[in-house]
Amino acid sequence: MSRSAALLERHAALLDRACGIRFVCEATDGSLSDADFARYLLVEEAFVLTASRVLGRVVWESPTWAELLPSARSLTNLVTEQRDYFAGLRHRWPVPDGAAVLARAAVLSDVVLGQVGDAGRPAALTGMLAAETMYARWCTAAAAVPAGRHPDLQAWIDLHAEETFLGQVAALRADVDALDPVAVPDEALDRWFSAVLEAEIAFHDAVHA
């Protein structure tokens, strides 16, 4: 079993919990309120900036083309397709209490940036694997469920169920597999992975009034 597969297996229960939160359930069945979706768009756009910074750190610390290119491609997707998605919606989904919502959701960026600041590329790859595995899982499942979702929410779900995104998740798994187990023991992977998933839960809970 690969290191990434073993990591996912060790944290299967936590990943189940992250994919079963209220936001995911309501986004999947189409019952997510407009107000909660507006707050989600606000905080998710902020985290896309964080993720871009994190992948920039990975690119900086990748000494070969083979190590650099997967994260560079993911970074390109974040600063083009995903940034354009939010820019196109911002005027349609205002959030009156935006500062308070962003403060409640800051836990995810705080955890991710803290880990990357302390441990660099290995923590960045592991944390992103946690976040993107969660999204690949719940969005793929949601995309297969017919529901009366707003087209803007449907577009976001579809974006994370497409082969381009799923390929980026697979690349993260390969990057984690390639980490030196002596320099980066499983205990470190577990710590980074679980901390990001716990923060993801708190982050998504912050969108509900």
Protein backbone atom coordinates (compact mmCIF):
# COMPACT_ATOMS: atom_id res chain seq x y z
CA MET A 1 0.00 0.00 0.00
CA SER A 2 1.32 3.46 -0.86
CA ARG A 3 1.99 6.03 1.85
CA SER A 4 -0.89 8.22 0.70
CA ALA A 5 -3.30 5.28 0.61
CA ALA A 6 -2.24 4.25 4.10
CA LEU A 7 -2.65 7.85 5.27
CA LEU A 8 -6.20 7.97 3.92
CA GLU A 9 -6.97 4.62 5.51
CA ARG A 10 -5.73 5.74 8.92
CA HIS A 11 -7.96 8.81 8.77
CA ALA A 12 -10.99 7.26 7.08
CA ALA A 13 -13.30 8.01 9.99
CA LEU A 14 -12.27 11.67 10.11
CA LEU A 15 -12.68 11.98 6.35
CA ASP A 16 -16.16 10.45 6.67
CA ARG A 17 -16.99 13.05 9.31
CA ALA A 18 -15.67 15.91 7.17
CA CYS A 19 -17.75 14.75 4.21
CA GLY A 20 -20.85 14.43 6.38
CA ILE A 21 -21.01 17.97 7.74
CA ARG A 22 -24.11 20.10 7.40
CA PHE A 23 -22.72 22.19 4.53
CA VAL A 24 -21.88 19.14 2.43
CA CYS A 25 -25.23 17.47 3.12
CA GLU A 26 -27.20 20.60 2.20
CA ALA A 27 -25.09 21.33 -0.88
CA THR A 28 -25.66 17.74 -1.98
CA ASP A 29 -29.41 17.59 -1.48
CA GLY A 30 -30.05 21.12 -2.74
CA SER A 31 -31.29 22.56 0.56
CA LEU A 32 -28.37 24.97 1.16
CA SER A 33 -29.81 28.43 1.78
CA ASP A 34 -28.85 31.40 -0.38
CA ALA A 35 -27.43 33.20 2.67
CA ASP A 36 -25.22 30.25 3.61
CA PHE A 37 -24.04 29.87 0.03
CA ALA A 38 -23.16 33.56 -0.14
CA ARG A 39 -21.11 33.22 3.04
CA TYR A 40 -19.46 30.12 1.66
CA LEU A 41 -18.42 31.90 -1.52
CA LEU A 42 -16.85 34.65 0.57
CA VAL A 43 -14.77 32.37 2.76
CA GLU A 44 -13.89 29.90 0.01
CA GLU A 45 -12.53 32.69 -2.19
CA ALA A 46 -10.34 33.73 0.73
CA PHE A 47 -9.06 30.19 1.11
CA VAL A 48 -8.30 29.90 -2.59
CA LEU A 49 -5.84 32.75 -2.01
CA THR A 50 -4.31 30.77 0.86
CA ALA A 51 -4.09 27.62 -1.25
CA SER A 52 -2.38 29.61 -4.01
CA ARG A 53 0.23 30.85 -1.55
CA VAL A 54 0.75 27.30 -0.28
CA LEU A 55 1.28 25.88 -3.76
CA GLY A 56 3.63 28.75 -4.49
CA ARG A 57 5.70 27.54 -1.55
CA VAL A 58 5.65 24.01 -2.98
CA VAL A 59 6.84 25.31 -6.35
CA TRP A 60 9.63 27.27 -4.66
CA GLU A 61 10.83 24.19 -2.79
CA SER A 62 10.59 21.77 -5.75
CA PRO A 63 14.10 21.33 -7.20
CA THR A 64 13.15 19.31 -10.31
CA TRP A 65 10.61 19.66 -13.11
CA ALA A 66 8.96 16.40 -12.06
CA GLU A 67 8.38 17.74 -8.54
CA LEU A 68 7.44 21.25 -9.63
CA LEU A 69 5.04 20.76 -12.53
CA PRO A 70 2.05 19.10 -10.77
CA SER A 71 1.81 21.88 -8.19
CA ALA A 72 2.46 24.55 -10.82
CA ARG A 73 -0.48 23.22 -12.83
CA SER A 74 -2.71 23.22 -9.75
CA LEU A 75 -1.60 26.75 -8.92
CA THR A 76 -2.45 27.86 -12.46
CA ASN A 77 -5.94 26.41 -12.04
CA LEU A 78 -6.45 28.28 -8.77
CA VAL A 79 -5.37 31.68 -10.09
CA THR A 80 -7.29 31.37 -13.36
CA GLU A 81 -10.37 29.14 -13.44
CA GLN A 82 -11.20 29.23 -9.73
CA ARG A 83 -10.39 32.91 -9.26
CA ASP A 84 -12.50 33.75 -12.32
CA TYR A 85 -15.39 31.74 -10.84
CA PHE A 86 -15.43 33.89 -7.72
CA ALA A 87 -14.86 37.16 -9.56
CA GLY A 88 -17.87 36.45 -11.73
CA LEU A 89 -20.16 35.80 -8.76
CA ARG A 90 -19.07 38.36 -6.20
CA HIS A 91 -21.62 41.01 -7.20
CA ARG A 92 -24.53 38.52 -7.08
CA TRP A 93 -23.90 37.16 -3.59
CA PRO A 94 -23.26 40.02 -1.13
CA VAL A 95 -22.58 39.22 2.53
CA PRO A 96 -23.57 42.00 4.97
CA ASP A 97 -21.55 40.57 7.88
CA GLY A 98 -18.57 39.60 5.77
CA ALA A 99 -15.82 40.52 8.23
CA ALA A 100 -17.35 38.43 11.01
CA VAL A 101 -17.81 35.43 8.72
CA LEU A 102 -14.23 35.64 7.49
CA ALA A 103 -12.99 35.78 11.07
CA ARG A 104 -14.95 32.63 11.98
CA ALA A 105 -13.62 30.78 8.95
CA ALA A 106 -9.99 31.91 9.34
CA VAL A 107 -9.14 28.72 11.24
CA LEU A 108 -8.44 26.81 8.03
CA SER A 109 -5.97 29.32 6.64
CA ASP A 110 -4.38 29.70 10.06
CA VAL A 111 -3.79 25.95 10.36
CA VAL A 112 -2.53 25.47 6.81
CA LEU A 113 -0.23 28.48 6.79
CA GLY A 114 1.08 27.63 10.24
CA GLN A 115 1.99 24.11 9.19
CA VAL A 116 3.63 25.27 5.99
CA GLY A 117 5.54 27.97 7.83
CA ASP A 118 6.89 25.38 10.24
CA ALA A 119 7.61 22.47 7.89
CA GLY A 120 7.53 23.74 4.31
CA ARG A 121 6.85 21.57 1.27
CA PRO A 122 5.98 18.26 3.02
CA ALA A 123 3.36 19.94 5.21
CA ALA A 124 2.02 21.87 2.24
CA LEU A 125 1.55 18.74 0.16
CA THR A 126 -0.03 16.79 3.00
CA GLY A 127 -2.38 19.57 4.02
CA MET A 128 -3.48 20.15 0.44
CA LEU A 129 -4.02 16.41 0.03
CA ALA A 130 -6.38 16.47 3.01
CA ALA A 131 -8.36 19.42 1.68
CA GLU A 132 -8.51 18.28 -1.92
CA THR A 133 -9.33 14.67 -1.07
CA MET A 134 -12.30 15.90 0.91
CA TYR A 135 -13.48 18.00 -2.04
CA ALA A 136 -12.92 15.29 -4.61
CA ARG A 137 -14.96 12.90 -2.52
CA TRP A 138 -17.95 15.03 -1.64
CA CYS A 139 -18.21 16.85 -4.96
CA THR A 140 -17.98 13.63 -6.97
CA ALA A 141 -20.74 12.15 -4.82
CA ALA A 142 -22.86 15.31 -5.04
CA ALA A 143 -22.46 15.55 -8.81
CA ALA A 144 -24.07 12.12 -9.10
CA VAL A 145 -27.13 13.20 -7.08
CA PRO A 146 -29.86 15.03 -9.02
CA ALA A 147 -30.96 17.98 -6.90
CA GLY A 148 -32.44 21.43 -7.38
CA ARG A 149 -29.21 23.33 -6.76
CA HIS A 150 -28.54 26.91 -7.80
CA PRO A 151 -26.53 26.89 -11.04
CA ASP A 152 -23.66 28.70 -9.31
CA LEU A 153 -23.38 25.95 -6.70
CA GLN A 154 -23.72 23.28 -9.37
CA ALA A 155 -20.86 24.84 -11.32
CA TRP A 156 -18.61 24.71 -8.24
CA ILE A 157 -19.46 21.08 -7.57
CA ASP A 158 -18.89 20.13 -11.20
CA LEU A 159 -15.51 21.90 -11.19
CA HIS A 160 -14.34 19.55 -8.44
CA ALA A 161 -15.74 16.41 -10.03
CA GLU A 162 -13.98 16.87 -13.37
CA GLU A 163 -10.93 14.93 -14.48
CA THR A 164 -8.70 17.99 -14.30
CA PHE A 165 -9.27 18.41 -10.56
CA LEU A 166 -9.24 14.69 -9.84
CA GLY A 167 -5.92 14.50 -11.66
CA GLN A 168 -4.56 17.19 -9.37
CA VAL A 169 -5.58 15.14 -6.35
CA ALA A 170 -3.87 12.09 -7.81
CA ALA A 171 -0.73 14.18 -8.31
CA LEU A 172 -0.81 15.21 -4.64
CA ARG A 173 -1.01 11.55 -3.66
CA ALA A 174 2.04 10.81 -5.79
CA ASP A 175 3.89 13.75 -4.23
CA VAL A 176 3.16 12.47 -0.73
CA ASP A 177 4.22 8.96 -1.77
CA ALA A 178 7.56 10.40 -2.87
CA LEU A 179 8.35 12.05 0.47
CA ASP A 180 11.32 10.55 2.29
CA PRO A 181 9.87 8.46 5.15
CA VAL A 182 12.97 9.04 7.25
CA ALA A 183 12.91 12.82 6.92
CA VAL A 184 9.10 12.93 6.97
CA PRO A 185 7.73 10.14 9.19
CA ASP A 186 4.14 8.96 9.19
CA GLU A 187 3.57 10.74 12.50
CA ALA A 188 4.13 14.07 10.75
CA LEU A 189 1.80 13.16 7.90
CA ASP A 190 -0.88 12.16 10.40
CA ARG A 191 -0.53 15.39 12.32
CA TRP A 192 -0.76 17.64 9.28
CA PHE A 193 -3.53 15.68 7.55
CA SER A 194 -5.81 15.42 10.58
CA ALA A 195 -5.30 19.07 11.59
CA VAL A 196 -6.39 20.27 8.16
CA LEU A 197 -9.47 18.05 8.09
CA GLU A 198 -10.52 19.25 11.56
CA ALA A 199 -10.02 22.82 10.37
CA GLU A 200 -12.06 22.10 7.23
CA ILE A 201 -14.97 21.07 9.45
CA ALA A 202 -14.78 24.28 11.48
CA PHE A 203 -14.33 26.34 8.30
CA HIS A 204 -17.48 25.01 6.68
CA ASP A 205 -19.50 25.25 9.88
CA ALA A 206 -18.67 28.97 9.93
CA VAL A 207 -20.96 29.66 6.95
CA HIS A 208 -24.10 28.82 8.89
CA ALA A 209 -25.73 31.67 10.77
